[in-house]
């Protein structure tokens, strides 16, 4: 039997789960509570989702780095990823989404 893939969360879930942002953050806070309680297998996030100002560093260190596996594109795939992003003229949040998609594709056999 193949194990189900691990959950992968981006900045919107991480911030909404750690910082009270009103009703819109409730789903993210429930996810983070499940992670804290151990009901979610060690999830993944991308390194760029952990880039935060110094005020948020303590939360990242205590709540994310202690519970998430922070992923990066393997060295031998970075150049081709960056070239493809440049060729596709990815900018803004699209480059981050492409990075996450690339990390997810690395998990599949």
PDB file of N, CA and C in Angstrom:
ATOM      1  N   UNK A   1       0.847  -1.181   0.000  1.00  0.00           N
ATOM      2  CA  UNK A   1       0.000   0.000   0.000  1.00  0.00           C
ATOM      3  C   UNK A   1       0.889   1.240   0.000  1.00  0.00           C
ATOM      4  N   UNK A   2       0.575   2.187  -0.857  1.00  0.00           N
ATOM      5  CA  UNK A   2       1.333   3.424  -0.961  1.00  0.00           C
ATOM      6  C   UNK A   2       0.814   4.419   0.074  1.00  0.00           C
ATOM      7  N   UNK A   3       1.736   5.039   0.795  1.00  0.00           N
ATOM      8  CA  UNK A   3       1.344   6.043   1.782  1.00  0.00           C
ATOM      9  C   UNK A   3       0.789   7.268   1.079  1.00  0.00           C
ATOM     10  N   UNK A   4      -0.222   7.903   1.665  1.00  0.00           N
ATOM     11  CA  UNK A   4      -0.759   9.116   1.039  1.00  0.00           C
ATOM     12  C   UNK A   4       0.292  10.221   1.057  1.00  0.00           C
ATOM     13  N   UNK A   5       0.239  11.125   0.078  1.00  0.00           N
ATOM     14  CA  UNK A   5       1.214  12.224   0.057  1.00  0.00           C
ATOM     15  C   UNK A   5       1.022  13.116   1.278  1.00  0.00           C
ATOM     16  N   UNK A   6       2.116  13.713   1.698  1.00  0.00           N
ATOM     17  CA  UNK A   6       2.023  14.626   2.831  1.00  0.00           C
ATOM     18  C   UNK A   6       1.451  15.962   2.381  1.00  0.00           C
ATOM     19  N   UNK A   7       0.773  16.626   3.299  1.00  0.00           N
ATOM     20  CA  UNK A   7       0.205  17.942   3.010  1.00  0.00           C
ATOM     21  C   UNK A   7       1.327  18.945   2.784  1.00  0.00           C
ATOM     22  N   UNK A   8       1.050  19.928   1.949  1.00  0.00           N
ATOM     23  CA  UNK A   8       2.019  20.969   1.624  1.00  0.00           C
ATOM     24  C   UNK A   8       1.319  22.308   1.812  1.00  0.00           C
ATOM     25  N   UNK A   9       1.852  23.154   2.697  1.00  0.00           N
ATOM     26  CA  UNK A   9       1.206  24.420   3.015  1.00  0.00           C
ATOM     27  C   UNK A   9       2.078  25.596   2.607  1.00  0.00           C
ATOM     28  N   UNK A  10       1.422  26.642   2.087  1.00  0.00           N
ATOM     29  CA  UNK A  10       2.146  27.841   1.693  1.00  0.00           C
ATOM     30  C   UNK A  10       1.941  28.939   2.743  1.00  0.00           C
ATOM     31  N   UNK A  11       2.435  30.123   2.441  1.00  0.00           N
ATOM     32  CA  UNK A  11       2.431  31.234   3.382  1.00  0.00           C
ATOM     33  C   UNK A  11       1.032  31.603   3.854  1.00  0.00           C
ATOM     34  N   UNK A  12       0.049  31.522   2.970  1.00  0.00           N
ATOM     35  CA  UNK A  12      -1.300  31.928   3.372  1.00  0.00           C
ATOM     36  C   UNK A  12      -1.835  31.071   4.513  1.00  0.00           C
ATOM     37  N   UNK A  13      -1.545  29.783   4.502  1.00  0.00           N
ATOM     38  CA  UNK A  13      -1.974  28.912   5.593  1.00  0.00           C
ATOM     39  C   UNK A  13      -1.092  29.131   6.819  1.00  0.00           C
ATOM     40  N   UNK A  14       0.212  29.262   6.610  1.00  0.00           N
ATOM     41  CA  UNK A  14       1.112  29.429   7.749  1.00  0.00           C
ATOM     42  C   UNK A  14       0.812  30.712   8.510  1.00  0.00           C
ATOM     43  N   UNK A  15       0.677  31.827   7.816  1.00  0.00           N
ATOM     44  CA  UNK A  15       0.402  33.092   8.500  1.00  0.00           C
ATOM     45  C   UNK A  15      -0.991  33.114   9.115  1.00  0.00           C
ATOM     46  N   UNK A  16      -1.982  32.671   8.351  1.00  0.00           N
ATOM     47  CA  UNK A  16      -3.346  32.631   8.879  1.00  0.00           C
ATOM     48  C   UNK A  16      -3.477  31.699  10.064  1.00  0.00           C
ATOM     49  N   UNK A  17      -2.643  30.660  10.092  1.00  0.00           N
ATOM     50  CA  UNK A  17      -2.681  29.715  11.198  1.00  0.00           C
ATOM     51  C   UNK A  17      -1.960  30.192  12.443  1.00  0.00           C
ATOM     52  N   UNK A  18      -1.051  31.126  12.276  1.00  0.00           N
ATOM     53  CA  UNK A  18      -0.254  31.619  13.405  1.00  0.00           C
ATOM     54  C   UNK A  18      -0.698  32.978  13.922  1.00  0.00           C
ATOM     55  N   UNK A  19      -1.341  33.759  13.065  1.00  0.00           N
ATOM     56  CA  UNK A  19      -1.714  35.124  13.420  1.00  0.00           C
ATOM     57  C   UNK A  19      -3.215  35.285  13.243  1.00  0.00           C
ATOM     58  N   UNK A  20      -3.893  35.827  14.232  1.00  0.00           N
ATOM     59  CA  UNK A  20      -5.332  36.049  14.160  1.00  0.00           C
ATOM     60  C   UNK A  20      -5.628  37.115  13.114  1.00  0.00           C
ATOM     61  N   UNK A  21      -6.278  36.699  12.031  1.00  0.00           N
ATOM     62  CA  UNK A  21      -6.616  37.602  10.942  1.00  0.00           C
ATOM     63  C   UNK A  21      -8.130  37.689  10.751  1.00  0.00           C
ATOM     64  N   UNK A  22      -8.881  37.360  11.781  1.00  0.00           N
ATOM     65  CA  UNK A  22     -10.332  37.394  11.701  1.00  0.00           C
ATOM     66  C   UNK A  22     -10.896  36.078  11.194  1.00  0.00           C
ATOM     67  N   UNK A  23     -12.157  36.067  10.799  1.00  0.00           N
ATOM     68  CA  UNK A  23     -12.826  34.833  10.369  1.00  0.00           C
ATOM     69  C   UNK A  23     -12.124  34.108   9.221  1.00  0.00           C
ATOM     70  N   UNK A  24     -11.461  34.850   8.357  1.00  0.00           N
ATOM     71  CA  UNK A  24     -10.785  34.219   7.218  1.00  0.00           C
ATOM     72  C   UNK A  24      -9.648  33.309   7.650  1.00  0.00           C
ATOM     73  N   UNK A  25      -9.111  33.513   8.849  1.00  0.00           N
ATOM     74  CA  UNK A  25      -7.985  32.686   9.293  1.00  0.00           C
ATOM     75  C   UNK A  25      -8.426  31.439  10.055  1.00  0.00           C
ATOM     76  N   UNK A  26      -9.713  31.274  10.309  1.00  0.00           N
ATOM     77  CA  UNK A  26     -10.191  30.122  11.080  1.00  0.00           C
ATOM     78  C   UNK A  26      -9.805  28.771  10.471  1.00  0.00           C
ATOM     79  N   UNK A  27      -9.982  28.551   9.158  1.00  0.00           N
ATOM     80  CA  UNK A  27      -9.571  27.253   8.599  1.00  0.00           C
ATOM     81  C   UNK A  27      -8.071  26.993   8.782  1.00  0.00           C
ATOM     82  N   UNK A  28      -7.260  28.007   8.559  1.00  0.00           N
ATOM     83  CA  UNK A  28      -5.814  27.839   8.724  1.00  0.00           C
ATOM     84  C   UNK A  28      -5.463  27.554  10.175  1.00  0.00           C
ATOM     85  N   UNK A  29      -6.161  28.181  11.116  1.00  0.00           N
ATOM     86  CA  UNK A  29      -5.896  27.935  12.530  1.00  0.00           C
ATOM     87  C   UNK A  29      -6.288  26.516  12.923  1.00  0.00           C
ATOM     88  N   UNK A  30      -7.339  25.989  12.324  1.00  0.00           N
ATOM     89  CA  UNK A  30      -7.720  24.597  12.593  1.00  0.00           C
ATOM     90  C   UNK A  30      -6.662  23.636  12.056  1.00  0.00           C
ATOM     91  N   UNK A  31      -6.118  23.963  10.883  1.00  0.00           N
ATOM     92  CA  UNK A  31      -5.049  23.134  10.312  1.00  0.00           C
ATOM     93  C   UNK A  31      -3.831  23.150  11.235  1.00  0.00           C
ATOM     94  N   UNK A  32      -3.413  24.343  11.670  1.00  0.00           N
ATOM     95  CA  UNK A  32      -2.240  24.438  12.546  1.00  0.00           C
ATOM     96  C   UNK A  32      -2.489  23.744  13.880  1.00  0.00           C
ATOM     97  N   UNK A  33      -3.711  23.807  14.397  1.00  0.00           N
ATOM     98  CA  UNK A  33      -4.031  23.096  15.641  1.00  0.00           C
ATOM     99  C   UNK A  33      -3.903  21.591  15.438  1.00  0.00           C
ATOM    100  N   UNK A  34      -4.334  21.091  14.285  1.00  0.00           N
ATOM    101  CA  UNK A  34      -4.213  19.661  13.997  1.00  0.00           C
ATOM    102  C   UNK A  34      -2.749  19.254  13.869  1.00  0.00           C
ATOM    103  N   UNK A  35      -1.929  20.115  13.285  1.00  0.00           N
ATOM    104  CA  UNK A  35      -0.496  19.838  13.172  1.00  0.00           C
ATOM    105  C   UNK A  35       0.130  19.800  14.558  1.00  0.00           C
ATOM    106  N   UNK A  36      -0.194  20.798  15.378  1.00  0.00           N
ATOM    107  CA  UNK A  36       0.338  20.876  16.739  1.00  0.00           C
ATOM    108  C   UNK A  36      -0.055  19.650  17.554  1.00  0.00           C
ATOM    109  N   UNK A  37      -1.271  19.168  17.365  1.00  0.00           N
ATOM    110  CA  UNK A  37      -1.760  17.998  18.100  1.00  0.00           C
ATOM    111  C   UNK A  37      -1.230  16.686  17.535  1.00  0.00           C
ATOM    112  N   UNK A  38      -0.512  16.748  16.425  1.00  0.00           N
ATOM    113  CA  UNK A  38       0.041  15.533  15.833  1.00  0.00           C
ATOM    114  C   UNK A  38      -0.938  14.763  14.977  1.00  0.00           C
ATOM    115  N   UNK A  39      -2.051  15.359  14.609  1.00  0.00           N
ATOM    116  CA  UNK A  39      -3.052  14.673  13.784  1.00  0.00           C
ATOM    117  C   UNK A  39      -2.748  14.760  12.301  1.00  0.00           C
ATOM    118  N   UNK A  40      -1.760  15.560  11.935  1.00  0.00           N
ATOM    119  CA  UNK A  40      -1.330  15.686  10.540  1.00  0.00           C
ATOM    120  C   UNK A  40       0.114  15.227  10.464  1.00  0.00           C
ATOM    121  N   UNK A  41       0.367  14.258   9.586  1.00  0.00           N
ATOM    122  CA  UNK A  41       1.735  13.767   9.377  1.00  0.00           C
ATOM    123  C   UNK A  41       2.631  14.943   9.008  1.00  0.00           C
ATOM    124  N   UNK A  42       3.858  14.953   9.467  1.00  0.00           N
ATOM    125  CA  UNK A  42       4.767  16.094   9.298  1.00  0.00           C
ATOM    126  C   UNK A  42       4.621  16.690   7.890  1.00  0.00           C
ATOM    127  N   UNK A  43       3.975  17.873   7.796  1.00  0.00           N
ATOM    128  CA  UNK A  43       3.719  18.470   6.485  1.00  0.00           C
ATOM    129  C   UNK A  43       4.956  19.111   5.883  1.00  0.00           C
ATOM    130  N   UNK A  44       4.826  19.499   4.645  1.00  0.00           N
ATOM    131  CA  UNK A  44       5.904  20.171   3.926  1.00  0.00           C
ATOM    132  C   UNK A  44       5.552  21.643   3.738  1.00  0.00           C
ATOM    133  N   UNK A  45       6.589  22.452   3.564  1.00  0.00           N
ATOM    134  CA  UNK A  45       6.466  23.829   3.106  1.00  0.00           C
ATOM    135  C   UNK A  45       7.729  24.137   2.324  1.00  0.00           C
ATOM    136  N   UNK A  46       7.727  25.226   1.601  1.00  0.00           N
ATOM    137  CA  UNK A  46       8.897  25.629   0.816  1.00  0.00           C
ATOM    138  C   UNK A  46       9.725  26.629   1.613  1.00  0.00           C
ATOM    139  N   UNK A  47      11.008  26.689   1.326  1.00  0.00           N
ATOM    140  CA  UNK A  47      11.883  27.595   2.069  1.00  0.00           C
ATOM    141  C   UNK A  47      11.410  29.036   1.934  1.00  0.00           C
ATOM    142  N   UNK A  48      10.893  29.436   0.764  1.00  0.00           N
ATOM    143  CA  UNK A  48      10.487  30.834   0.608  1.00  0.00           C
ATOM    144  C   UNK A  48       9.278  31.191   1.459  1.00  0.00           C
ATOM    145  N   UNK A  49       8.536  30.192   1.925  1.00  0.00           N
ATOM    146  CA  UNK A  49       7.399  30.461   2.797  1.00  0.00           C
ATOM    147  C   UNK A  49       7.851  30.813   4.221  1.00  0.00           C
ATOM    148  N   UNK A  50       9.125  30.640   4.500  1.00  0.00           N
ATOM    149  CA  UNK A  50       9.670  30.942   5.829  1.00  0.00           C
ATOM    150  C   UNK A  50      10.440  32.251   5.856  1.00  0.00           C
ATOM    151  N   UNK A  51      10.434  32.999   4.757  1.00  0.00           N
ATOM    152  CA  UNK A  51      11.122  34.285   4.706  1.00  0.00           C
ATOM    153  C   UNK A  51      10.226  35.344   5.325  1.00  0.00           C
ATOM    154  N   UNK A  52      10.579  35.771   6.512  1.00  0.00           N
ATOM    155  CA  UNK A  52       9.727  36.698   7.264  1.00  0.00           C
ATOM    156  C   UNK A  52      10.569  37.758   7.960  1.00  0.00           C
ATOM    157  N   UNK A  53       9.941  38.879   8.357  1.00  0.00           N
ATOM    158  CA  UNK A  53      10.668  39.880   9.136  1.00  0.00           C
ATOM    159  C   UNK A  53      11.036  39.329  10.511  1.00  0.00           C
ATOM    160  N   UNK A  54      11.942  39.998  11.156  1.00  0.00           N
ATOM    161  CA  UNK A  54      12.442  39.506  12.443  1.00  0.00           C
ATOM    162  C   UNK A  54      11.343  39.352  13.480  1.00  0.00           C
ATOM    163  N   UNK A  55      10.297  40.162  13.435  1.00  0.00           N
ATOM    164  CA  UNK A  55       9.216  40.042  14.411  1.00  0.00           C
ATOM    165  C   UNK A  55       8.502  38.691  14.323  1.00  0.00           C
ATOM    166  N   UNK A  56       8.484  38.114  13.142  1.00  0.00           N
ATOM    167  CA  UNK A  56       7.782  36.843  12.952  1.00  0.00           C
ATOM    168  C   UNK A  56       8.708  35.639  13.096  1.00  0.00           C
ATOM    169  N   UNK A  57      10.005  35.858  13.185  1.00  0.00           N
ATOM    170  CA  UNK A  57      10.964  34.748  13.221  1.00  0.00           C
ATOM    171  C   UNK A  57      10.679  33.766  14.346  1.00  0.00           C
ATOM    172  N   UNK A  58      10.352  34.256  15.543  1.00  0.00           N
ATOM    173  CA  UNK A  58      10.092  33.363  16.674  1.00  0.00           C
ATOM    174  C   UNK A  58       8.953  32.402  16.355  1.00  0.00           C
ATOM    175  N   UNK A  59       7.889  32.898  15.740  1.00  0.00           N
ATOM    176  CA  UNK A  59       6.776  32.025  15.365  1.00  0.00           C
ATOM    177  C   UNK A  59       7.205  30.995  14.332  1.00  0.00           C
ATOM    178  N   UNK A  60       7.971  31.419  13.346  1.00  0.00           N
ATOM    179  CA  UNK A  60       8.450  30.478  12.331  1.00  0.00           C
ATOM    180  C   UNK A  60       9.299  29.400  12.984  1.00  0.00           C
ATOM    181  N   UNK A  61      10.214  29.808  13.832  1.00  0.00           N
ATOM    182  CA  UNK A  61      11.114  28.844  14.470  1.00  0.00           C
ATOM    183  C   UNK A  61      10.360  27.865  15.364  1.00  0.00           C
ATOM    184  N   UNK A  62       9.475  28.376  16.201  1.00  0.00           N
ATOM    185  CA  UNK A  62       8.777  27.518  17.165  1.00  0.00           C
ATOM    186  C   UNK A  62       7.634  26.714  16.559  1.00  0.00           C
ATOM    187  N   UNK A  63       6.903  27.301  15.637  1.00  0.00           N
ATOM    188  CA  UNK A  63       5.683  26.659  15.143  1.00  0.00           C
ATOM    189  C   UNK A  63       5.841  25.971  13.792  1.00  0.00           C
ATOM    190  N   UNK A  64       6.730  26.452  12.949  1.00  0.00           N
ATOM    191  CA  UNK A  64       6.871  25.869  11.612  1.00  0.00           C
ATOM    192  C   UNK A  64       8.089  24.964  11.533  1.00  0.00           C
ATOM    193  N   UNK A  65       9.271  25.488  11.832  1.00  0.00           N
ATOM    194  CA  UNK A  65      10.490  24.687  11.676  1.00  0.00           C
ATOM    195  C   UNK A  65      10.502  23.465  12.582  1.00  0.00           C
ATOM    196  N   UNK A  66       9.831  23.538  13.715  1.00  0.00           N
ATOM    197  CA  UNK A  66       9.799  22.387  14.612  1.00  0.00           C
ATOM    198  C   UNK A  66       8.797  21.329  14.167  1.00  0.00           C
ATOM    199  N   UNK A  67       7.884  21.699  13.253  1.00  0.00           N
ATOM    200  CA  UNK A  67       6.818  20.763  12.869  1.00  0.00           C
ATOM    201  C   UNK A  67       6.751  20.450  11.377  1.00  0.00           C
ATOM    202  N   UNK A  68       7.438  21.221  10.548  1.00  0.00           N
ATOM    203  CA  UNK A  68       7.375  21.046   9.095  1.00  0.00           C
ATOM    204  C   UNK A  68       8.718  20.591   8.549  1.00  0.00           C
ATOM    205  N   UNK A  69       8.680  19.885   7.461  1.00  0.00           N
ATOM    206  CA  UNK A  69       9.882  19.604   6.687  1.00  0.00           C
ATOM    207  C   UNK A  69       9.962  20.688   5.619  1.00  0.00           C
ATOM    208  N   UNK A  70      10.962  21.548   5.717  1.00  0.00           N
ATOM    209  CA  UNK A  70      11.119  22.649   4.777  1.00  0.00           C
ATOM    210  C   UNK A  70      11.902  22.139   3.577  1.00  0.00           C
ATOM    211  N   UNK A  71      11.321  22.269   2.408  1.00  0.00           N
ATOM    212  CA  UNK A  71      11.856  21.654   1.199  1.00  0.00           C
ATOM    213  C   UNK A  71      12.513  22.671   0.283  1.00  0.00           C
ATOM    214  N   UNK A  72      13.419  22.199  -0.553  1.00  0.00           N
ATOM    215  CA  UNK A  72      14.099  23.002  -1.554  1.00  0.00           C
ATOM    216  C   UNK A  72      14.303  22.141  -2.792  1.00  0.00           C
ATOM    217  N   UNK A  73      14.377  22.768  -3.928  1.00  0.00           N
ATOM    218  CA  UNK A  73      14.662  22.049  -5.169  1.00  0.00           C
ATOM    219  C   UNK A  73      16.090  21.517  -5.086  1.00  0.00           C
ATOM    220  N   UNK A  74      16.311  20.250  -5.432  1.00  0.00           N
ATOM    221  CA  UNK A  74      17.673  19.701  -5.392  1.00  0.00           C
ATOM    222  C   UNK A  74      18.631  20.517  -6.258  1.00  0.00           C
ATOM    223  N   UNK A  75      19.866  20.575  -5.848  1.00  0.00           N
ATOM    224  CA  UNK A  75      20.882  21.366  -6.556  1.00  0.00           C
ATOM    225  C   UNK A  75      20.886  21.106  -8.057  1.00  0.00           C
ATOM    226  N   UNK A  76      20.772  19.840  -8.453  1.00  0.00           N
ATOM    227  CA  UNK A  76      20.882  19.508  -9.873  1.00  0.00           C
ATOM    228  C   UNK A  76      19.630  19.873 -10.688  1.00  0.00           C
ATOM    229  N   UNK A  77      18.573  20.370 -10.039  1.00  0.00           N
ATOM    230  CA  UNK A  77      17.362  20.794 -10.748  1.00  0.00           C
ATOM    231  C   UNK A  77      17.123  22.300 -10.687  1.00  0.00           C
ATOM    232  N   UNK A  78      17.894  23.021  -9.880  1.00  0.00           N
ATOM    233  CA  UNK A  78      17.646  24.457  -9.694  1.00  0.00           C
ATOM    234  C   UNK A  78      17.850  25.253 -10.974  1.00  0.00           C
ATOM    235  N   UNK A  79      18.932  24.985 -11.689  1.00  0.00           N
ATOM    236  CA  UNK A  79      19.223  25.761 -12.896  1.00  0.00           C
ATOM    237  C   UNK A  79      18.092  25.617 -13.915  1.00  0.00           C
ATOM    238  N   UNK A  80      17.621  24.389 -14.140  1.00  0.00           N
ATOM    239  CA  UNK A  80      16.552  24.195 -15.122  1.00  0.00           C
ATOM    240  C   UNK A  80      15.248  24.838 -14.646  1.00  0.00           C
ATOM    241  N   UNK A  81      14.982  24.806 -13.339  1.00  0.00           N
ATOM    242  CA  UNK A  81      13.787  25.463 -12.803  1.00  0.00           C
ATOM    243  C   UNK A  81      13.856  26.972 -13.039  1.00  0.00           C
ATOM    244  N   UNK A  82      14.993  27.571 -12.704  1.00  0.00           N
ATOM    245  CA  UNK A  82      15.149  29.016 -12.872  1.00  0.00           C
ATOM    246  C   UNK A  82      15.091  29.416 -14.340  1.00  0.00           C
ATOM    247  N   UNK A  83      15.673  28.595 -15.218  1.00  0.00           N
ATOM    248  CA  UNK A  83      15.628  28.888 -16.651  1.00  0.00           C
ATOM    249  C   UNK A  83      14.188  28.828 -17.161  1.00  0.00           C
ATOM    250  N   UNK A  84      13.458  27.797 -16.745  1.00  0.00           N
ATOM    251  CA  UNK A  84      12.059  27.672 -17.172  1.00  0.00           C
ATOM    252  C   UNK A  84      11.222  28.841 -16.650  1.00  0.00           C
ATOM    253  N   UNK A  85      11.471  29.264 -15.410  1.00  0.00           N
ATOM    254  CA  UNK A  85      10.741  30.403 -14.853  1.00  0.00           C
ATOM    255  C   UNK A  85      11.038  31.675 -15.644  1.00  0.00           C
ATOM    256  N   UNK A  86      12.293  31.863 -16.016  1.00  0.00           N
ATOM    257  CA  UNK A  86      12.667  33.037 -16.817  1.00  0.00           C
ATOM    258  C   UNK A  86      12.028  32.961 -18.201  1.00  0.00           C
ATOM    259  N   UNK A  87      12.077  31.778 -18.835  1.00  0.00           N
ATOM    260  CA  UNK A  87      11.479  31.599 -20.154  1.00  0.00           C
ATOM    261  C   UNK A  87       9.972  31.864 -20.141  1.00  0.00           C
ATOM    262  N   UNK A  88       9.329  31.454 -19.040  1.00  0.00           N
ATOM    263  CA  UNK A  88       7.882  31.641 -18.902  1.00  0.00           C
ATOM    264  C   UNK A  88       7.515  33.023 -18.350  1.00  0.00           C
ATOM    265  N   UNK A  89       8.532  33.822 -18.059  1.00  0.00           N
ATOM    266  CA  UNK A  89       8.349  35.184 -17.534  1.00  0.00           C
ATOM    267  C   UNK A  89       7.497  35.199 -16.273  1.00  0.00           C
ATOM    268  N   UNK A  90       7.796  34.268 -15.375  1.00  0.00           N
ATOM    269  CA  UNK A  90       7.058  34.201 -14.115  1.00  0.00           C
ATOM    270  C   UNK A  90       7.511  35.325 -13.198  1.00  0.00           C
ATOM    271  N   UNK A  91       6.555  36.015 -12.618  1.00  0.00           N
ATOM    272  CA  UNK A  91       6.851  37.110 -11.698  1.00  0.00           C
ATOM    273  C   UNK A  91       5.899  37.042 -10.507  1.00  0.00           C
ATOM    274  N   UNK A  92       6.252  37.774  -9.466  1.00  0.00           N
ATOM    275  CA  UNK A  92       5.387  37.870  -8.287  1.00  0.00           C
ATOM    276  C   UNK A  92       5.102  36.510  -7.676  1.00  0.00           C
ATOM    277  N   UNK A  93       3.867  36.347  -7.249  1.00  0.00           N
ATOM    278  CA  UNK A  93       3.463  35.111  -6.584  1.00  0.00           C
ATOM    279  C   UNK A  93       3.510  33.889  -7.480  1.00  0.00           C
ATOM    280  N   UNK A  94       3.502  34.075  -8.783  1.00  0.00           N
ATOM    281  CA  UNK A  94       3.537  32.928  -9.707  1.00  0.00           C
ATOM    282  C   UNK A  94       4.849  32.149  -9.592  1.00  0.00           C
ATOM    283  N   UNK A  95       5.954  32.853  -9.318  1.00  0.00           N
ATOM    284  CA  UNK A  95       7.229  32.143  -9.169  1.00  0.00           C
ATOM    285  C   UNK A  95       7.190  31.276  -7.918  1.00  0.00           C
ATOM    286  N   UNK A  96       6.540  31.760  -6.865  1.00  0.00           N
ATOM    287  CA  UNK A  96       6.420  30.973  -5.639  1.00  0.00           C
ATOM    288  C   UNK A  96       5.535  29.753  -5.868  1.00  0.00           C
ATOM    289  N   UNK A  97       4.449  29.952  -6.588  1.00  0.00           N
ATOM    290  CA  UNK A  97       3.571  28.818  -6.898  1.00  0.00           C
ATOM    291  C   UNK A  97       4.297  27.790  -7.765  1.00  0.00           C
ATOM    292  N   UNK A  98       5.093  28.264  -8.721  1.00  0.00           N
ATOM    293  CA  UNK A  98       5.872  27.344  -9.566  1.00  0.00           C
ATOM    294  C   UNK A  98       6.890  26.576  -8.722  1.00  0.00           C
ATOM    295  N   UNK A  99       7.486  27.251  -7.756  1.00  0.00           N
ATOM    296  CA  UNK A  99       8.451  26.604  -6.856  1.00  0.00           C
ATOM    297  C   UNK A  99       7.774  25.484  -6.072  1.00  0.00           C
ATOM    298  N   UNK A 100       6.586  25.770  -5.534  1.00  0.00           N
ATOM    299  CA  UNK A 100       5.846  24.750  -4.789  1.00  0.00           C
ATOM    300  C   UNK A 100       5.465  23.592  -5.709  1.00  0.00           C
ATOM    301  N   UNK A 101       5.003  23.897  -6.915  1.00  0.00           N
ATOM    302  CA  UNK A 101       4.645  22.838  -7.862  1.00  0.00           C
ATOM    303  C   UNK A 101       5.855  21.972  -8.183  1.00  0.00           C
ATOM    304  N   UNK A 102       7.010  22.576  -8.337  1.00  0.00           N
ATOM    305  CA  UNK A 102       8.235  21.820  -8.620  1.00  0.00           C
ATOM    306  C   UNK A 102       8.591  20.911  -7.445  1.00  0.00           C
ATOM    307  N   UNK A 103       8.450  21.426  -6.227  1.00  0.00           N
ATOM    308  CA  UNK A 103       8.741  20.608  -5.044  1.00  0.00           C
ATOM    309  C   UNK A 103       7.777  19.428  -4.968  1.00  0.00           C
ATOM    310  N   UNK A 104       6.528  19.668  -5.258  1.00  0.00           N
ATOM    311  CA  UNK A 104       5.530  18.587  -5.228  1.00  0.00           C
ATOM    312  C   UNK A 104       5.848  17.532  -6.286  1.00  0.00           C
ATOM    313  N   UNK A 105       6.330  17.965  -7.454  1.00  0.00           N
ATOM    314  CA  UNK A 105       6.645  17.004  -8.517  1.00  0.00           C
ATOM    315  C   UNK A 105       7.857  16.151  -8.145  1.00  0.00           C
ATOM    316  N   UNK A 106       8.740  16.684  -7.311  1.00  0.00           N
ATOM    317  CA  UNK A 106       9.906  15.924  -6.846  1.00  0.00           C
ATOM    318  C   UNK A 106       9.503  14.756  -5.958  1.00  0.00           C
ATOM    319  N   UNK A 107       8.332  14.855  -5.306  1.00  0.00           N
ATOM    320  CA  UNK A 107       7.861  13.798  -4.411  1.00  0.00           C
ATOM    321  C   UNK A 107       7.278  12.613  -5.159  1.00  0.00           C
ATOM    322  N   UNK A 108       6.816  12.850  -6.359  1.00  0.00           N
ATOM    323  CA  UNK A 108       6.144  11.773  -7.097  1.00  0.00           C
ATOM    324  C   UNK A 108       7.171  10.864  -7.751  1.00  0.00           C
ATOM    325  N   UNK A 109       6.862   9.562  -7.770  1.00  0.00           N
ATOM    326  CA  UNK A 109       7.804   8.615  -8.400  1.00  0.00           C
ATOM    327  C   UNK A 109       7.881   8.774  -9.892  1.00  0.00           C
TER     328      UNK A 109
END
